[in-house]
Amino acid sequence: AIICVMAQHVTLSEPHGFCDAPFTLSMAVEEAGESTNWTIRYTIDSSTPTATSPAYTMPLSIKSNTIVRAAAFAGEEQMTNITTATYLFIDDVMKQSASPEGYPMEWGKYAQMNGTAPADYGMDPEMTEDVVLAPKIREGLKSLPVLSIITDIDNLFSQGNGAVVASE
């Protein structure tokens, strides 16, 4: 008889979302059926884990904005769907760069005036550094649910197939 065992998924010890302090993240495989030796492979750069991604051997130290993706492998074969979690640190969000590497520098032409709109991905320092506003912004961020869309940057911004493209 052939017994096929499929791991259900990789579980993470911490829920995704906003974080106030660094933490240690553990991973485990939740299995269906017989116990099998799986290798958890993971990435922390939002890329898809593969059979050549780092093997999980000890808890990870999460200290800054991080996208963790993990799957269980049996040799070269991926045995689970990919588990993804985004951890956002309030201090990192408050200081996020207005022009992150690889992102478009312009959002396109203005609709009702001349010129091109410069892209701005950061939070405004005059607000995030204000002694009255900063604590309110921090609390406001923590009250929001997190929706993290993980995809290649071209799927967001490329002129040919991006979800968000600059107007001509």
C-alpha atoms as a PDB file:
ATOM      1  CA  ALA A   1       0.000   0.000   0.000  1.00  0.00           C
ATOM      2  CA  ILE A   2       1.194   3.503  -0.794  1.00  0.00           C
ATOM      3  CA  ILE A   3       0.723   5.999   1.982  1.00  0.00           C
ATOM      4  CA  CYS A   4       0.681   9.630   0.949  1.00  0.00           C
ATOM      5  CA  VAL A   5       1.186  12.111   3.745  1.00  0.00           C
ATOM      6  CA  MET A   6       0.628  15.774   3.056  1.00  0.00           C
ATOM      7  CA  ALA A   7       1.641  18.356   5.609  1.00  0.00           C
ATOM      8  CA  GLN A   8      -1.218  20.749   6.317  1.00  0.00           C
ATOM      9  CA  HIS A   9       0.804  23.932   6.727  1.00  0.00           C
ATOM     10  CA  VAL A  10       3.676  25.648   8.453  1.00  0.00           C
ATOM     11  CA  THR A  11       2.607  27.402  11.636  1.00  0.00           C
ATOM     12  CA  LEU A  12       4.315  30.488  13.021  1.00  0.00           C
ATOM     13  CA  SER A  13       4.573  31.245  16.732  1.00  0.00           C
ATOM     14  CA  GLU A  14       3.595  34.905  16.392  1.00  0.00           C
ATOM     15  CA  PRO A  15       0.579  36.423  14.625  1.00  0.00           C
ATOM     16  CA  HIS A  16       1.196  38.869  11.777  1.00  0.00           C
ATOM     17  CA  GLY A  17       0.610  42.576  12.249  1.00  0.00           C
ATOM     18  CA  PHE A  18       2.119  45.558  14.019  1.00  0.00           C
ATOM     19  CA  CYS A  19       4.871  44.952  16.577  1.00  0.00           C
ATOM     20  CA  ASP A  20       6.194  47.123  19.383  1.00  0.00           C
ATOM     21  CA  ALA A  21       9.383  45.206  20.148  1.00  0.00           C
ATOM     22  CA  PRO A  22      11.701  42.580  18.626  1.00  0.00           C
ATOM     23  CA  PHE A  23      10.697  38.955  19.132  1.00  0.00           C
ATOM     24  CA  THR A  24      11.741  35.405  18.363  1.00  0.00           C
ATOM     25  CA  LEU A  25       9.731  33.549  15.720  1.00  0.00           C
ATOM     26  CA  SER A  26       9.403  29.773  15.784  1.00  0.00           C
ATOM     27  CA  MET A  27       8.043  27.606  12.966  1.00  0.00           C
ATOM     28  CA  ALA A  28       6.556  24.129  12.971  1.00  0.00           C
ATOM     29  CA  VAL A  29       4.780  21.816  10.552  1.00  0.00           C
ATOM     30  CA  GLU A  30       1.234  20.864  11.367  1.00  0.00           C
ATOM     31  CA  GLU A  31       0.800  17.438   9.819  1.00  0.00           C
ATOM     32  CA  ALA A  32      -2.039  15.230   8.708  1.00  0.00           C
ATOM     33  CA  GLY A  33      -1.453  11.513   9.030  1.00  0.00           C
ATOM     34  CA  GLU A  34       1.810   9.849   9.940  1.00  0.00           C
ATOM     35  CA  SER A  35       4.730  11.797  11.304  1.00  0.00           C
ATOM     36  CA  THR A  36       7.263  12.583   8.614  1.00  0.00           C
ATOM     37  CA  ASN A  37      10.497  14.522   8.613  1.00  0.00           C
ATOM     38  CA  TRP A  38       9.843  17.727   6.750  1.00  0.00           C
ATOM     39  CA  THR A  39      12.311  20.496   6.148  1.00  0.00           C
ATOM     40  CA  ILE A  40      10.865  23.963   6.557  1.00  0.00           C
ATOM     41  CA  ARG A  41      12.343  26.358   4.007  1.00  0.00           C
ATOM     42  CA  TYR A  42      11.800  30.070   4.471  1.00  0.00           C
ATOM     43  CA  THR A  43      12.573  33.544   3.143  1.00  0.00           C
ATOM     44  CA  ILE A  44      12.533  36.918   4.882  1.00  0.00           C
ATOM     45  CA  ASP A  45      12.625  39.102   1.762  1.00  0.00           C
ATOM     46  CA  SER A  46       9.086  38.352   0.491  1.00  0.00           C
ATOM     47  CA  SER A  47      10.353  35.942  -2.174  1.00  0.00           C
ATOM     48  CA  THR A  48       8.796  32.512  -2.671  1.00  0.00           C
ATOM     49  CA  PRO A  49      10.526  29.784  -0.645  1.00  0.00           C
ATOM     50  CA  THR A  50      12.063  27.009  -2.719  1.00  0.00           C
ATOM     51  CA  ALA A  51      13.955  23.787  -2.055  1.00  0.00           C
ATOM     52  CA  THR A  52      17.155  25.872  -2.004  1.00  0.00           C
ATOM     53  CA  SER A  53      15.922  28.531   0.443  1.00  0.00           C
ATOM     54  CA  PRO A  54      17.435  28.493   3.930  1.00  0.00           C
ATOM     55  CA  ALA A  55      16.343  25.561   6.103  1.00  0.00           C
ATOM     56  CA  TYR A  56      14.687  26.490   9.373  1.00  0.00           C
ATOM     57  CA  THR A  57      16.878  25.098  12.150  1.00  0.00           C
ATOM     58  CA  MET A  58      16.354  27.569  14.978  1.00  0.00           C
ATOM     59  CA  PRO A  59      13.989  30.434  15.862  1.00  0.00           C
ATOM     60  CA  LEU A  60      14.432  33.651  13.893  1.00  0.00           C
ATOM     61  CA  SER A  61      15.054  37.005  15.513  1.00  0.00           C
ATOM     62  CA  ILE A  62      12.593  39.520  14.045  1.00  0.00           C
ATOM     63  CA  LYS A  63      13.777  43.075  14.751  1.00  0.00           C
ATOM     64  CA  SER A  64      12.444  45.193  11.885  1.00  0.00           C
ATOM     65  CA  ASN A  65       9.785  45.168   9.165  1.00  0.00           C
ATOM     66  CA  THR A  66       9.907  41.624   7.816  1.00  0.00           C
ATOM     67  CA  ILE A  67       7.884  39.464   5.459  1.00  0.00           C
ATOM     68  CA  VAL A  68       8.314  35.804   6.399  1.00  0.00           C
ATOM     69  CA  ARG A  69       7.307  33.117   3.918  1.00  0.00           C
ATOM     70  CA  ALA A  70       7.685  29.425   4.693  1.00  0.00           C
ATOM     71  CA  ALA A  71       6.760  26.017   3.298  1.00  0.00           C
ATOM     72  CA  ALA A  72       7.556  22.423   4.194  1.00  0.00           C
ATOM     73  CA  PHE A  73       9.602  20.377   1.758  1.00  0.00           C
ATOM     74  CA  ALA A  74      10.367  16.671   1.416  1.00  0.00           C
ATOM     75  CA  GLY A  75      13.576  16.775  -0.565  1.00  0.00           C
ATOM     76  CA  GLU A  76      12.889  18.951  -3.613  1.00  0.00           C
ATOM     77  CA  GLU A  77       9.096  18.639  -3.375  1.00  0.00           C
ATOM     78  CA  GLN A  78       7.038  21.365  -1.719  1.00  0.00           C
ATOM     79  CA  MET A  79       4.565  19.626   0.585  1.00  0.00           C
ATOM     80  CA  THR A  80       2.522  22.568   1.861  1.00  0.00           C
ATOM     81  CA  ASN A  81       1.079  25.788   0.676  1.00  0.00           C
ATOM     82  CA  ILE A  82       3.207  28.798   1.521  1.00  0.00           C
ATOM     83  CA  THR A  83       2.558  30.435   4.890  1.00  0.00           C
ATOM     84  CA  THR A  84       3.134  34.180   4.805  1.00  0.00           C
ATOM     85  CA  ALA A  85       3.220  36.711   7.623  1.00  0.00           C
ATOM     86  CA  THR A  86       4.088  40.395   7.594  1.00  0.00           C
ATOM     87  CA  TYR A  87       5.538  41.934  10.744  1.00  0.00           C
ATOM     88  CA  LEU A  88       5.505  45.733  10.826  1.00  0.00           C
ATOM     89  CA  PHE A  89       7.357  47.647  13.503  1.00  0.00           C
ATOM     90  CA  ILE A  90       5.820  50.982  14.389  1.00  0.00           C
ATOM     91  CA  ASP A  91       9.205  52.760  14.530  1.00  0.00           C
ATOM     92  CA  ASP A  92      10.107  51.442  11.054  1.00  0.00           C
ATOM     93  CA  VAL A  93       6.769  52.538   9.620  1.00  0.00           C
ATOM     94  CA  MET A  94       7.107  55.975  11.193  1.00  0.00           C
ATOM     95  CA  LYS A  95      10.542  56.387   9.530  1.00  0.00           C
ATOM     96  CA  GLN A  96       9.747  54.657   6.222  1.00  0.00           C
ATOM     97  CA  SER A  97      11.657  56.052   3.249  1.00  0.00           C
ATOM     98  CA  ALA A  98       9.751  58.321   0.885  1.00  0.00           C
ATOM     99  CA  SER A  99      11.588  56.709  -2.043  1.00  0.00           C
ATOM    100  CA  PRO A 100      12.289  52.995  -1.447  1.00  0.00           C
ATOM    101  CA  GLU A 101      14.632  51.248  -3.871  1.00  0.00           C
ATOM    102  CA  GLY A 102      12.925  49.682  -6.885  1.00  0.00           C
ATOM    103  CA  TYR A 103       9.698  51.668  -6.606  1.00  0.00           C
ATOM    104  CA  PRO A 104       8.531  54.264  -9.164  1.00  0.00           C
ATOM    105  CA  MET A 105       9.736  57.792  -8.495  1.00  0.00           C
ATOM    106  CA  GLU A 106       6.623  59.342 -10.095  1.00  0.00           C
ATOM    107  CA  TRP A 107       2.938  58.519  -9.905  1.00  0.00           C
ATOM    108  CA  GLY A 108       2.049  60.130 -13.229  1.00  0.00           C
ATOM    109  CA  LYS A 109       0.632  63.374 -14.504  1.00  0.00           C
ATOM    110  CA  TYR A 110      -1.699  65.460 -12.420  1.00  0.00           C
ATOM    111  CA  ALA A 111      -5.311  65.324 -13.592  1.00  0.00           C
ATOM    112  CA  GLN A 112      -6.218  68.982 -13.130  1.00  0.00           C
ATOM    113  CA  MET A 113      -2.901  70.835 -13.220  1.00  0.00           C
ATOM    114  CA  ASN A 114       0.383  70.800 -15.073  1.00  0.00           C
ATOM    115  CA  GLY A 115       3.246  68.614 -13.999  1.00  0.00           C
ATOM    116  CA  THR A 116       3.942  65.134 -12.735  1.00  0.00           C
ATOM    117  CA  ALA A 117       3.144  63.858  -9.244  1.00  0.00           C
ATOM    118  CA  PRO A 118       6.274  62.674  -7.414  1.00  0.00           C
ATOM    119  CA  ALA A 119       5.845  59.357  -5.622  1.00  0.00           C
ATOM    120  CA  ASP A 120       5.926  59.532  -1.829  1.00  0.00           C
ATOM    121  CA  TYR A 121       5.842  56.285   0.142  1.00  0.00           C
ATOM    122  CA  GLY A 122       6.930  57.656   3.500  1.00  0.00           C
ATOM    123  CA  MET A 123       5.165  59.255   6.402  1.00  0.00           C
ATOM    124  CA  ASP A 124       5.664  62.992   6.827  1.00  0.00           C
ATOM    125  CA  PRO A 125       8.318  63.758   9.480  1.00  0.00           C
ATOM    126  CA  GLU A 126       6.589  66.980  10.494  1.00  0.00           C
ATOM    127  CA  MET A 127       3.771  64.767  11.765  1.00  0.00           C
ATOM    128  CA  THR A 128       5.637  61.640  12.946  1.00  0.00           C
ATOM    129  CA  GLU A 129       8.150  63.717  14.926  1.00  0.00           C
ATOM    130  CA  ASP A 130       5.564  66.057  16.466  1.00  0.00           C
ATOM    131  CA  VAL A 131       5.326  65.453  20.236  1.00  0.00           C
ATOM    132  CA  VAL A 132       1.526  65.687  20.193  1.00  0.00           C
ATOM    133  CA  LEU A 133       0.792  63.838  16.950  1.00  0.00           C
ATOM    134  CA  ALA A 134       3.382  61.027  17.097  1.00  0.00           C
ATOM    135  CA  PRO A 135       1.725  59.101  19.981  1.00  0.00           C
ATOM    136  CA  LYS A 136      -1.670  59.422  18.272  1.00  0.00           C
ATOM    137  CA  ILE A 137      -0.244  58.125  14.988  1.00  0.00           C
ATOM    138  CA  ARG A 138       1.364  55.179  16.800  1.00  0.00           C
ATOM    139  CA  GLU A 139      -1.903  54.239  18.508  1.00  0.00           C
ATOM    140  CA  GLY A 140      -3.824  54.736  15.274  1.00  0.00           C
ATOM    141  CA  LEU A 141      -1.480  52.400  13.401  1.00  0.00           C
ATOM    142  CA  LYS A 142      -1.864  49.709  16.067  1.00  0.00           C
ATOM    143  CA  SER A 143      -5.652  49.911  15.774  1.00  0.00           C
ATOM    144  CA  LEU A 144      -5.625  49.138  12.034  1.00  0.00           C
ATOM    145  CA  PRO A 145      -5.936  45.647  10.599  1.00  0.00           C
ATOM    146  CA  VAL A 146      -3.003  44.648   8.401  1.00  0.00           C
ATOM    147  CA  LEU A 147      -3.572  43.619   4.799  1.00  0.00           C
ATOM    148  CA  SER A 148      -0.290  42.672   3.205  1.00  0.00           C
ATOM    149  CA  ILE A 149      -0.219  41.901  -0.508  1.00  0.00           C
ATOM    150  CA  ILE A 150       2.885  39.946  -1.436  1.00  0.00           C
ATOM    151  CA  THR A 151       3.827  39.985  -5.119  1.00  0.00           C
ATOM    152  CA  ASP A 152       6.670  40.894  -7.450  1.00  0.00           C
ATOM    153  CA  ILE A 153       7.035  44.660  -7.773  1.00  0.00           C
ATOM    154  CA  ASP A 154       6.348  44.431 -11.537  1.00  0.00           C
ATOM    155  CA  ASN A 155       2.883  43.064 -10.775  1.00  0.00           C
ATOM    156  CA  LEU A 156       2.194  46.343  -9.005  1.00  0.00           C
ATOM    157  CA  PHE A 157       3.902  48.990 -11.091  1.00  0.00           C
ATOM    158  CA  SER A 158       4.898  47.762 -14.564  1.00  0.00           C
ATOM    159  CA  GLN A 159       3.255  49.600 -17.437  1.00  0.00           C
ATOM    160  CA  GLY A 160       2.321  46.311 -19.149  1.00  0.00           C
ATOM    161  CA  ASN A 161       0.659  44.350 -16.354  1.00  0.00           C
ATOM    162  CA  GLY A 162       0.834  46.369 -13.155  1.00  0.00           C
ATOM    163  CA  ALA A 163      -2.138  46.966 -10.911  1.00  0.00           C
ATOM    164  CA  VAL A 164      -1.037  50.575 -10.316  1.00  0.00           C
ATOM    165  CA  VAL A 165       0.457  52.298 -13.357  1.00  0.00           C
ATOM    166  CA  ALA A 166       1.406  55.868 -14.092  1.00  0.00           C
ATOM    167  CA  SER A 167      -0.955  57.625 -16.494  1.00  0.00           C
ATOM    168  CA  GLU A 168       0.367  58.757 -19.854  1.00  0.00           C
END
